[in-house]
PDB file of N, CA and C in Angstrom:
ATOM      1  N   UNK A   1     -70.937 -11.704-128.006  1.00  0.00           N
ATOM      2  CA  UNK A   1     -71.819 -10.503-128.029  1.00  0.00           C
ATOM      3  C   UNK A   1     -73.092 -11.520-127.060  1.00  0.00           C
ATOM      4  N   UNK A   2     -73.191 -12.251-127.922  1.00  0.00           N
ATOM      5  CA  UNK A   2     -74.705 -12.802-127.098  1.00  0.00           C
ATOM      6  C   UNK A   2     -74.868 -13.148-126.583  1.00  0.00           C
ATOM      7  N   UNK A   3     -73.249 -13.749-125.528  1.00  0.00           N
ATOM      8  CA  UNK A   3     -73.435 -14.087-124.123  1.00  0.00           C
ATOM      9  C   UNK A   3     -73.217 -12.827-123.524  1.00  0.00           C
ATOM     10  N   UNK A   4     -73.136 -11.633-123.258  1.00  0.00           N
ATOM     11  CA  UNK A   4     -72.951 -10.464-122.606  1.00  0.00           C
ATOM     12  C   UNK A   4     -74.014  -9.918-122.899  1.00  0.00           C
ATOM     13  N   UNK A   5     -74.883 -10.180-123.435  1.00  0.00           N
ATOM     14  CA  UNK A   5     -75.884  -9.898-123.083  1.00  0.00           C
ATOM     15  C   UNK A   5     -77.324 -10.109-122.103  1.00  0.00           C
ATOM     16  N   UNK A   6     -77.117 -11.950-122.615  1.00  0.00           N
ATOM     17  CA  UNK A   6     -77.342 -12.747-122.002  1.00  0.00           C
ATOM     18  C   UNK A   6     -77.305 -12.681-120.615  1.00  0.00           C
ATOM     19  N   UNK A   7     -76.145 -12.025-120.843  1.00  0.00           N
ATOM     20  CA  UNK A   7     -75.408 -12.067-119.094  1.00  0.00           C
ATOM     21  C   UNK A   7     -76.103 -10.705-118.216  1.00  0.00           C
ATOM     22  N   UNK A   8     -76.403  -9.888-119.151  1.00  0.00           N
ATOM     23  CA  UNK A   8     -77.319  -8.315-118.624  1.00  0.00           C
ATOM     24  C   UNK A   8     -78.655  -8.673-118.950  1.00  0.00           C
ATOM     25  N   UNK A   9     -78.743  -9.826-119.236  1.00  0.00           N
ATOM     26  CA  UNK A   9     -80.925  -9.847-119.529  1.00  0.00           C
ATOM     27  C   UNK A   9     -80.847 -10.355-118.534  1.00  0.00           C
ATOM     28  N   UNK A  10     -80.291 -10.776-117.948  1.00  0.00           N
ATOM     29  CA  UNK A  10     -80.471 -11.668-116.963  1.00  0.00           C
ATOM     30  C   UNK A  10     -80.197 -11.204-115.149  1.00  0.00           C
ATOM     31  N   UNK A  11     -79.540 -10.359-115.348  1.00  0.00           N
ATOM     32  CA  UNK A  11     -78.667  -9.268-114.393  1.00  0.00           C
ATOM     33  C   UNK A  11     -79.928  -8.169-114.069  1.00  0.00           C
ATOM     34  N   UNK A  12     -80.824  -7.965-115.452  1.00  0.00           N
ATOM     35  CA  UNK A  12     -81.729  -7.225-115.058  1.00  0.00           C
ATOM     36  C   UNK A  12     -82.916  -7.310-114.318  1.00  0.00           C
ATOM     37  N   UNK A  13     -83.811  -8.710-114.950  1.00  0.00           N
ATOM     38  CA  UNK A  13     -84.721  -9.545-114.382  1.00  0.00           C
ATOM     39  C   UNK A  13     -84.440 -10.183-112.797  1.00  0.00           C
ATOM     40  N   UNK A  14     -83.420 -10.411-111.939  1.00  0.00           N
ATOM     41  CA  UNK A  14     -82.953 -10.867-111.224  1.00  0.00           C
ATOM     42  C   UNK A  14     -82.938  -9.506-110.170  1.00  0.00           C
ATOM     43  N   UNK A  15     -82.436  -8.312-110.449  1.00  0.00           N
ATOM     44  CA  UNK A  15     -82.390  -7.431-110.247  1.00  0.00           C
ATOM     45  C   UNK A  15     -84.174  -7.141-109.723  1.00  0.00           C
ATOM     46  N   UNK A  16     -85.085  -6.968-111.069  1.00  0.00           N
ATOM     47  CA  UNK A  16     -86.716  -7.264-110.839  1.00  0.00           C
ATOM     48  C   UNK A  16     -87.210  -8.023-109.863  1.00  0.00           C
ATOM     49  N   UNK A  17     -86.580  -9.509-109.950  1.00  0.00           N
ATOM     50  CA  UNK A  17     -87.412 -10.125-108.867  1.00  0.00           C
ATOM     51  C   UNK A  17     -86.855  -9.831-107.389  1.00  0.00           C
ATOM     52  N   UNK A  18     -85.616  -9.472-106.957  1.00  0.00           N
ATOM     53  CA  UNK A  18     -85.411  -8.452-105.577  1.00  0.00           C
ATOM     54  C   UNK A  18     -86.130  -8.018-105.034  1.00  0.00           C
ATOM     55  N   UNK A  19     -86.404  -6.450-106.464  1.00  0.00           N
ATOM     56  CA  UNK A  19     -87.595  -5.653-105.696  1.00  0.00           C
ATOM     57  C   UNK A  19     -88.787  -6.192-105.452  1.00  0.00           C
ATOM     58  N   UNK A  20     -89.107  -6.985-106.265  1.00  0.00           N
ATOM     59  CA  UNK A  20     -90.677  -7.485-106.087  1.00  0.00           C
ATOM     60  C   UNK A  20     -90.362  -8.216-104.556  1.00  0.00           C
ATOM     61  N   UNK A  21     -89.197  -8.997-103.823  1.00  0.00           N
ATOM     62  CA  UNK A  21     -88.931  -9.414-103.058  1.00  0.00           C
ATOM     63  C   UNK A  21     -89.095  -8.629-101.755  1.00  0.00           C
ATOM     64  N   UNK A  22     -88.089  -7.512-102.151  1.00  0.00           N
ATOM     65  CA  UNK A  22     -88.021  -6.206-101.202  1.00  0.00           C
ATOM     66  C   UNK A  22     -89.869  -5.637-100.969  1.00  0.00           C
ATOM     67  N   UNK A  23     -90.462  -5.399-101.945  1.00  0.00           N
ATOM     68  CA  UNK A  23     -91.755  -4.667-101.832  1.00  0.00           C
ATOM     69  C   UNK A  23     -92.068  -5.126-100.585  1.00  0.00           C
ATOM     70  N   UNK A  24     -92.614  -7.188-101.513  1.00  0.00           N
ATOM     71  CA  UNK A  24     -93.673  -7.911-100.293  1.00  0.00           C
ATOM     72  C   UNK A  24     -93.210  -8.027 -98.792  1.00  0.00           C
ATOM     73  N   UNK A  25     -91.492  -7.869 -98.695  1.00  0.00           N
ATOM     74  CA  UNK A  25     -90.847  -8.535 -97.283  1.00  0.00           C
ATOM     75  C   UNK A  25     -91.098  -6.631 -96.619  1.00  0.00           C
ATOM     76  N   UNK A  26     -90.630  -5.998 -97.544  1.00  0.00           N
ATOM     77  CA  UNK A  26     -90.552  -4.805 -95.841  1.00  0.00           C
ATOM     78  C   UNK A  26     -92.150  -4.015 -96.163  1.00  0.00           C
ATOM     79  N   UNK A  27     -92.487  -4.115 -96.965  1.00  0.00           N
ATOM     80  CA  UNK A  27     -93.505  -3.604 -96.853  1.00  0.00           C
ATOM     81  C   UNK A  27     -94.075  -1.978 -96.888  1.00  0.00           C
ATOM     82  N   UNK A  28     -92.874  -1.900 -97.632  1.00  0.00           N
ATOM     83  CA  UNK A  28     -92.414   0.112 -97.404  1.00  0.00           C
ATOM     84  C   UNK A  28     -91.638   0.776 -96.587  1.00  0.00           C
ATOM     85  N   UNK A  29     -91.413   0.317 -95.392  1.00  0.00           N
ATOM     86  CA  UNK A  29     -90.782   0.522 -94.231  1.00  0.00           C
ATOM     87  C   UNK A  29     -89.200   0.938 -94.374  1.00  0.00           C
ATOM     88  N   UNK A  30     -88.485   0.373 -95.513  1.00  0.00           N
ATOM     89  CA  UNK A  30     -86.938   0.203 -96.233  1.00  0.00           C
ATOM     90  C   UNK A  30     -86.696   0.873 -97.136  1.00  0.00           C
ATOM     91  N   UNK A  31     -85.896   1.375 -98.118  1.00  0.00           N
ATOM     92  CA  UNK A  31     -85.276   2.045 -99.582  1.00  0.00           C
ATOM     93  C   UNK A  31     -85.203   0.865-100.228  1.00  0.00           C
ATOM     94  N   UNK A  32     -84.835  -0.532 -99.635  1.00  0.00           N
ATOM     95  CA  UNK A  32     -84.176  -1.624-100.136  1.00  0.00           C
ATOM     96  C   UNK A  32     -84.894  -1.738-101.945  1.00  0.00           C
ATOM     97  N   UNK A  33     -85.601  -1.724-102.580  1.00  0.00           N
ATOM     98  CA  UNK A  33     -86.898  -1.445-103.271  1.00  0.00           C
ATOM     99  C   UNK A  33     -86.121  -0.394-103.995  1.00  0.00           C
ATOM    100  N   UNK A  34     -86.330   0.271-103.749  1.00  0.00           N
ATOM    101  CA  UNK A  34     -85.843   2.113-104.979  1.00  0.00           C
ATOM    102  C   UNK A  34     -84.588   1.446-105.245  1.00  0.00           C
ATOM    103  N   UNK A  35     -83.887   1.156-104.174  1.00  0.00           N
ATOM    104  CA  UNK A  35     -82.385   0.609-104.493  1.00  0.00           C
ATOM    105  C   UNK A  35     -82.353  -0.478-105.468  1.00  0.00           C
ATOM    106  N   UNK A  36     -83.434  -0.935-105.477  1.00  0.00           N
ATOM    107  CA  UNK A  36     -82.973  -2.916-106.321  1.00  0.00           C
ATOM    108  C   UNK A  36     -83.824  -1.906-107.407  1.00  0.00           C
ATOM    109  N   UNK A  37     -84.834  -1.081-107.909  1.00  0.00           N
ATOM    110  CA  UNK A  37     -85.090  -0.808-108.470  1.00  0.00           C
ATOM    111  C   UNK A  37     -83.651   0.436-109.975  1.00  0.00           C
ATOM    112  N   UNK A  38     -83.598   1.115-109.155  1.00  0.00           N
ATOM    113  CA  UNK A  38     -82.678   2.203-109.133  1.00  0.00           C
ATOM    114  C   UNK A  38     -81.514   1.215-109.808  1.00  0.00           C
ATOM    115  N   UNK A  39     -80.708  -0.333-109.386  1.00  0.00           N
ATOM    116  CA  UNK A  39     -79.634  -1.015-109.898  1.00  0.00           C
ATOM    117  C   UNK A  39     -80.419  -1.219-111.841  1.00  0.00           C
ATOM    118  N   UNK A  40     -81.694  -1.530-111.392  1.00  0.00           N
ATOM    119  CA  UNK A  40     -82.255  -2.387-112.936  1.00  0.00           C
ATOM    120  C   UNK A  40     -82.197  -1.457-114.401  1.00  0.00           C
ATOM    121  N   UNK A  41     -82.523   0.281-113.854  1.00  0.00           N
ATOM    122  CA  UNK A  41     -82.472   0.699-114.753  1.00  0.00           C
ATOM    123  C   UNK A  41     -80.644   0.898-114.900  1.00  0.00           C
ATOM    124  N   UNK A  42     -80.164   0.891-113.794  1.00  0.00           N
ATOM    125  CA  UNK A  42     -78.943   1.461-114.516  1.00  0.00           C
ATOM    126  C   UNK A  42     -78.201   0.104-115.653  1.00  0.00           C
ATOM    127  N   UNK A  43     -78.360  -1.686-114.860  1.00  0.00           N
ATOM    128  CA  UNK A  43     -78.396  -2.379-116.180  1.00  0.00           C
ATOM    129  C   UNK A  43     -79.788  -2.581-117.567  1.00  0.00           C
ATOM    130  N   UNK A  44     -79.737  -1.684-117.591  1.00  0.00           N
ATOM    131  CA  UNK A  44     -80.275  -1.344-119.117  1.00  0.00           C
ATOM    132  C   UNK A  44     -79.769  -0.390-119.389  1.00  0.00           C
ATOM    133  N   UNK A  45     -79.592   0.936-118.823  1.00  0.00           N
ATOM    134  CA  UNK A  45     -79.320   2.140-119.384  1.00  0.00           C
ATOM    135  C   UNK A  45     -77.512   1.255-120.480  1.00  0.00           C
ATOM    136  N   UNK A  46     -76.701   0.453-118.980  1.00  0.00           N
ATOM    137  CA  UNK A  46     -75.418   0.159-119.524  1.00  0.00           C
ATOM    138  C   UNK A  46     -75.269  -0.963-120.451  1.00  0.00           C
ATOM    139  N   UNK A  47     -76.702  -1.970-120.869  1.00  0.00           N
ATOM    140  CA  UNK A  47     -76.653  -2.816-121.787  1.00  0.00           C
ATOM    141  C   UNK A  47     -77.215  -1.762-123.421  1.00  0.00           C
ATOM    142  N   UNK A  48     -77.698  -1.024-122.519  1.00  0.00           N
ATOM    143  CA  UNK A  48     -78.298  -0.586-124.078  1.00  0.00           C
ATOM    144  C   UNK A  48     -77.142   0.601-124.773  1.00  0.00           C
ATOM    145  N   UNK A  49     -76.105   0.938-123.932  1.00  0.00           N
ATOM    146  CA  UNK A  49     -75.062   2.289-124.632  1.00  0.00           C
ATOM    147  C   UNK A  49     -73.737   0.598-124.850  1.00  0.00           C
ATOM    148  N   UNK A  50     -73.728  -0.053-124.052  1.00  0.00           N
ATOM    149  CA  UNK A  50     -73.359  -1.662-124.721  1.00  0.00           C
ATOM    150  C   UNK A  50     -73.470  -1.795-126.676  1.00  0.00           C
ATOM    151  N   UNK A  51     -74.801  -1.585-126.528  1.00  0.00           N
ATOM    152  CA  UNK A  51     -75.247  -2.357-127.459  1.00  0.00           C
ATOM    153  C   UNK A  51     -74.872  -0.651-128.788  1.00  0.00           C
ATOM    154  N   UNK A  52     -75.144   0.146-128.435  1.00  0.00           N
ATOM    155  CA  UNK A  52     -75.238   1.289-129.975  1.00  0.00           C
ATOM    156  C   UNK A  52     -72.681   0.968-129.740  1.00  0.00           C
ATOM    157  N   UNK A  53     -72.243   0.660-128.820  1.00  0.00           N
ATOM    158  CA  UNK A  53     -71.389   1.093-128.830  1.00  0.00           C
ATOM    159  C   UNK A  53     -70.409  -0.258-129.449  1.00  0.00           C
ATOM    160  N   UNK A  54     -71.332  -1.688-129.528  1.00  0.00           N
ATOM    161  CA  UNK A  54     -70.585  -2.756-130.244  1.00  0.00           C
ATOM    162  C   UNK A  54     -70.986  -2.849-131.566  1.00  0.00           C
ATOM    163  N   UNK A  55     -72.501  -2.294-131.897  1.00  0.00           N
ATOM    164  CA  UNK A  55     -72.721  -1.567-133.107  1.00  0.00           C
ATOM    165  C   UNK A  55     -72.082  -0.648-133.843  1.00  0.00           C
ATOM    166  N   UNK A  56     -71.198   1.088-133.344  1.00  0.00           N
ATOM    167  CA  UNK A  56     -70.335   1.329-134.008  1.00  0.00           C
ATOM    168  C   UNK A  56     -69.362   0.745-134.194  1.00  0.00           C
ATOM    169  N   UNK A  57     -68.737  -0.507-133.297  1.00  0.00           N
ATOM    170  CA  UNK A  57     -67.328  -1.039-134.038  1.00  0.00           C
ATOM    171  C   UNK A  57     -67.007  -1.756-134.536  1.00  0.00           C
ATOM    172  N   UNK A  58     -68.568  -2.301-135.333  1.00  0.00           N
ATOM    173  CA  UNK A  58     -68.783  -3.787-135.732  1.00  0.00           C
ATOM    174  C   UNK A  58     -69.199  -4.740-135.450  1.00  0.00           C
ATOM    175  N   UNK A  59     -68.441  -4.734-134.091  1.00  0.00           N
ATOM    176  CA  UNK A  59     -69.339  -6.650-133.461  1.00  0.00           C
ATOM    177  C   UNK A  59     -70.160  -6.597-133.624  1.00  0.00           C
ATOM    178  N   UNK A  60     -71.684  -6.136-134.215  1.00  0.00           N
ATOM    179  CA  UNK A  60     -72.407  -6.831-133.812  1.00  0.00           C
ATOM    180  C   UNK A  60     -73.359  -5.705-135.491  1.00  0.00           C
ATOM    181  N   UNK A  61     -74.452  -7.145-136.322  1.00  0.00           N
ATOM    182  CA  UNK A  61     -73.985  -6.603-137.801  1.00  0.00           C
ATOM    183  C   UNK A  61     -75.948  -6.239-137.674  1.00  0.00           C
ATOM    184  N   UNK A  62     -76.996  -4.933-137.653  1.00  0.00           N
ATOM    185  CA  UNK A  62     -77.756  -5.137-137.554  1.00  0.00           C
ATOM    186  C   UNK A  62     -78.509  -6.039-138.713  1.00  0.00           C
ATOM    187  N   UNK A  63     -79.157  -6.729-138.807  1.00  0.00           N
ATOM    188  CA  UNK A  63     -79.833  -7.457-139.801  1.00  0.00           C
ATOM    189  C   UNK A  63     -81.651  -7.288-140.710  1.00  0.00           C
ATOM    190  N   UNK A  64     -81.960  -6.348-140.474  1.00  0.00           N
ATOM    191  CA  UNK A  64     -83.072  -5.928-140.264  1.00  0.00           C
ATOM    192  C   UNK A  64     -84.945  -6.745-140.770  1.00  0.00           C
ATOM    193  N   UNK A  65     -85.752  -6.920-141.326  1.00  0.00           N
ATOM    194  CA  UNK A  65     -86.263  -7.780-141.037  1.00  0.00           C
ATOM    195  C   UNK A  65     -86.600  -8.513-142.162  1.00  0.00           C
ATOM    196  N   UNK A  66     -86.859  -9.771-142.476  1.00  0.00           N
ATOM    197  CA  UNK A  66     -86.304 -10.573-143.114  1.00  0.00           C
ATOM    198  C   UNK A  66     -87.624 -11.358-143.718  1.00  0.00           C
TER     199      UNK A  66
END
């Protein structure tokens, strides 16, 4: 489960980085920045749902504050 979450974080950061590159390169003339940011939001929502499902199925356990 840790590997899946780490891969999801890398995808989120990569999408954010590509949005920055598209923003600087296109100067607002195309919608590639919007698509990259929408993809980042989609990855974030998918990660959140995956964590909720994993918690319900018992794949991960909450540890609380120690």
